[in-house]
C-alpha atoms as a PDB file:
ATOM      1  CA  MET A   1    -132.622 170.048 -55.105  1.00  0.00           C
ATOM      2  CA  PRO A   2    -135.386 169.507 -52.488  1.00  0.00           C
ATOM      3  CA  GLY A   3    -132.754 169.688 -49.720  1.00  0.00           C
ATOM      4  CA  LEU A   4    -131.558 173.068 -50.945  1.00  0.00           C
ATOM      5  CA  LEU A   5    -135.156 174.304 -51.087  1.00  0.00           C
ATOM      6  CA  VAL A   6    -135.729 173.217 -47.491  1.00  0.00           C
ATOM      7  CA  ALA A   7    -132.463 174.868 -46.451  1.00  0.00           C
ATOM      8  CA  GLY A   8    -133.446 178.132 -48.111  1.00  0.00           C
ATOM      9  CA  VAL A   9    -136.834 178.178 -46.432  1.00  0.00           C
ATOM     10  CA  GLY A  10    -135.269 177.245 -43.096  1.00  0.00           C
ATOM     11  CA  VAL A  11    -132.691 180.025 -43.248  1.00  0.00           C
ATOM     12  CA  SER A  12    -135.370 182.539 -44.203  1.00  0.00           C
ATOM     13  CA  MET A  13    -137.419 181.508 -41.197  1.00  0.00           C
ATOM     14  CA  ALA A  14    -134.435 181.383 -38.808  1.00  0.00           C
ATOM     15  CA  LEU A  15    -132.921 184.819 -39.412  1.00  0.00           C
ATOM     16  CA  PRO A  16    -135.755 186.825 -37.814  1.00  0.00           C
ATOM     17  CA  CYS A  17    -135.652 184.491 -34.803  1.00  0.00           C
ATOM     18  CA  VAL A  18    -131.916 185.029 -34.422  1.00  0.00           C
ATOM     19  CA  GLN A  19    -132.375 188.807 -34.539  1.00  0.00           C
ATOM     20  CA  SER A  20    -135.154 188.576 -31.973  1.00  0.00           C
ATOM     21  CA  SER A  21    -133.005 186.427 -29.675  1.00  0.00           C
ATOM     22  CA  ALA A  22    -130.069 188.811 -29.907  1.00  0.00           C
ATOM     23  CA  ILE A  23    -132.195 191.833 -29.111  1.00  0.00           C
ATOM     24  CA  GLY A  24    -134.289 190.044 -26.495  1.00  0.00           C
ATOM     25  CA  ALA A  25    -131.217 189.094 -24.457  1.00  0.00           C
ATOM     26  CA  VAL A  26    -130.159 192.658 -23.617  1.00  0.00           C
ATOM     27  CA  PRO A  27    -131.666 195.525 -21.666  1.00  0.00           C
ATOM     28  CA  PRO A  28    -133.471 198.231 -23.684  1.00  0.00           C
ATOM     29  CA  GLU A  29    -130.485 200.588 -23.645  1.00  0.00           C
ATOM     30  CA  GLY A  30    -128.300 197.914 -25.294  1.00  0.00           C
ATOM     31  CA  ILE A  31    -130.591 197.058 -28.210  1.00  0.00           C
ATOM     32  CA  GLY A  32    -128.670 199.193 -30.726  1.00  0.00           C
ATOM     33  CA  LYS A  33    -125.349 197.590 -29.831  1.00  0.00           C
ATOM     34  CA  ALA A  34    -126.900 194.117 -29.856  1.00  0.00           C
ATOM     35  CA  SER A  35    -128.393 194.700 -33.294  1.00  0.00           C
ATOM     36  CA  GLY A  36    -125.100 195.973 -34.725  1.00  0.00           C
ATOM     37  CA  THR A  37    -123.120 193.156 -33.145  1.00  0.00           C
ATOM     38  CA  ASN A  38    -125.596 190.599 -34.480  1.00  0.00           C
ATOM     39  CA  ALA A  39    -125.299 191.997 -38.008  1.00  0.00           C
ATOM     40  CA  ALA A  40    -121.483 191.975 -37.879  1.00  0.00           C
ATOM     41  CA  ILE A  41    -121.291 188.455 -36.454  1.00  0.00           C
ATOM     42  CA  ARG A  42    -123.840 187.212 -39.016  1.00  0.00           C
ATOM     43  CA  GLN A  43    -121.648 188.518 -41.851  1.00  0.00           C
ATOM     44  CA  LEU A  44    -118.488 187.098 -40.284  1.00  0.00           C
ATOM     45  CA  GLY A  45    -120.203 183.751 -39.732  1.00  0.00           C
ATOM     46  CA  GLY A  46    -121.287 183.684 -43.358  1.00  0.00           C
ATOM     47  CA  VAL A  47    -117.735 184.306 -44.547  1.00  0.00           C
ATOM     48  CA  PHE A  48    -116.267 181.609 -42.315  1.00  0.00           C
ATOM     49  CA  GLY A  49    -119.095 179.212 -43.148  1.00  0.00           C
ATOM     50  CA  VAL A  50    -118.478 179.540 -46.875  1.00  0.00           C
ATOM     51  CA  ALA A  51    -114.716 179.149 -46.363  1.00  0.00           C
ATOM     52  CA  ILE A  52    -115.195 175.972 -44.317  1.00  0.00           C
ATOM     53  CA  VAL A  53    -117.632 174.446 -46.806  1.00  0.00           C
ATOM     54  CA  VAL A  54    -115.304 175.272 -49.729  1.00  0.00           C
ATOM     55  CA  ALA A  55    -112.372 173.716 -47.864  1.00  0.00           C
ATOM     56  CA  VAL A  56    -114.379 170.531 -47.270  1.00  0.00           C
ATOM     57  CA  PHE A  57    -115.439 170.419 -50.925  1.00  0.00           C
ATOM     58  CA  THR A  58    -111.875 170.998 -52.111  1.00  0.00           C
ATOM     59  CA  GLY A  59    -110.564 168.214 -49.871  1.00  0.00           C
ATOM     60  CA  SER A  60    -113.145 165.708 -51.074  1.00  0.00           C
ATOM     61  CA  GLY A  61    -114.166 166.561 -54.630  1.00  0.00           C
ATOM     62  CA  THR A  62    -113.350 168.163 -57.960  1.00  0.00           C
ATOM     63  CA  PHE A  63    -115.070 170.019 -60.769  1.00  0.00           C
ATOM     64  CA  THR A  64    -113.705 167.706 -63.440  1.00  0.00           C
ATOM     65  CA  SER A  65    -116.533 165.155 -63.423  1.00  0.00           C
ATOM     66  CA  PRO A  66    -120.058 164.748 -62.062  1.00  0.00           C
ATOM     67  CA  ALA A  67    -118.869 161.956 -59.753  1.00  0.00           C
ATOM     68  CA  GLY A  68    -116.021 164.139 -58.462  1.00  0.00           C
ATOM     69  CA  PHE A  69    -118.428 167.004 -57.861  1.00  0.00           C
ATOM     70  CA  THR A  70    -120.852 164.766 -55.953  1.00  0.00           C
ATOM     71  CA  SER A  71    -118.034 163.307 -53.868  1.00  0.00           C
ATOM     72  CA  GLY A  72    -117.196 166.826 -52.666  1.00  0.00           C
ATOM     73  CA  PHE A  73    -120.702 168.275 -52.563  1.00  0.00           C
ATOM     74  CA  SER A  74    -122.176 165.689 -50.188  1.00  0.00           C
ATOM     75  CA  PRO A  75    -119.604 166.146 -47.388  1.00  0.00           C
ATOM     76  CA  ALA A  76    -119.715 169.930 -47.867  1.00  0.00           C
ATOM     77  CA  LEU A  77    -123.496 169.983 -47.391  1.00  0.00           C
ATOM     78  CA  THR A  78    -123.178 167.707 -44.375  1.00  0.00           C
ATOM     79  CA  VAL A  79    -120.716 170.119 -42.751  1.00  0.00           C
ATOM     80  CA  ALA A  80    -123.026 173.042 -43.600  1.00  0.00           C
ATOM     81  CA  ALA A  81    -125.941 171.212 -41.964  1.00  0.00           C
ATOM     82  CA  VAL A  82    -123.910 170.496 -38.822  1.00  0.00           C
ATOM     83  CA  LEU A  83    -122.786 174.133 -38.597  1.00  0.00           C
ATOM     84  CA  SER A  84    -126.409 175.238 -38.994  1.00  0.00           C
ATOM     85  CA  LEU A  85    -127.526 172.880 -36.246  1.00  0.00           C
ATOM     86  CA  LEU A  86    -124.810 174.187 -33.916  1.00  0.00           C
ATOM     87  CA  GLY A  87    -125.928 177.742 -34.662  1.00  0.00           C
ATOM     88  CA  ALA A  88    -129.543 176.857 -33.902  1.00  0.00           C
ATOM     89  CA  LEU A  89    -128.544 175.246 -30.608  1.00  0.00           C
ATOM     90  CA  ALA A  90    -126.503 178.311 -29.669  1.00  0.00           C
ATOM     91  CA  GLY A  91    -129.541 180.496 -30.393  1.00  0.00           C
ATOM     92  CA  VAL A  92    -131.717 178.390 -28.119  1.00  0.00           C
ATOM     93  CA  LEU A  93    -129.209 178.779 -25.292  1.00  0.00           C
ATOM     94  CA  VAL A  94    -129.129 182.605 -25.436  1.00  0.00           C
ATOM     95  CA  PRO A  95    -130.628 183.891 -22.186  1.00  0.00           C
ATOM     96  CA  ARG A  96    -133.704 186.078 -22.412  1.00  0.00           C
ATOM     97  CA  ARG A  97    -134.158 189.376 -20.645  1.00  0.00           C
ATOM     98  CA  PRO A  98    -136.269 188.902 -17.479  1.00  0.00           C
ATOM     99  CA  GLY A  99    -139.905 189.771 -18.026  1.00  0.00           C
ATOM    100  CA  ARG A 100    -139.617 189.772 -21.821  1.00  0.00           C
ATOM    101  CA  GLY A 101    -142.825 188.738 -23.529  1.00  0.00           C
ATOM    102  CA  ARG A 102    -145.059 189.164 -20.517  1.00  0.00           C
ATOM    103  CA  VAL A 103    -148.029 191.469 -20.720  1.00  0.00           C
ATOM    104  CA  HIS A 104    -148.239 193.887 -17.829  1.00  0.00           C
ATOM    105  CA  GLY A 105    -151.519 195.679 -17.578  1.00  0.00           C
ATOM    106  CA  PRO A 106    -154.065 196.737 -15.054  1.00  0.00           C
ATOM    107  CA  HIS A 107    -155.467 193.890 -13.010  1.00  0.00           C
END
């Protein structure tokens, strides 16, 4: 249970950063397209992520006993954690728009 709590908090903290990275990597005239693309890819990633985790659970565990459930749940969560880490690394590698975040004012 504590691991799921940490995952929930982590996802809640990561989503605004992902949106900021997606929008910060494009010129101002492309922000609308970047936002829409990010939303679509986020939904698609969620669908594929759930499908992959279910496939891992199905290959390793069952619902017929607590031991069978645990034997599928542990590898499924491990795959989910690896996918999350890969997503975080991809977000770090997104290039930023030149000059983004700098304050330009009178000197």
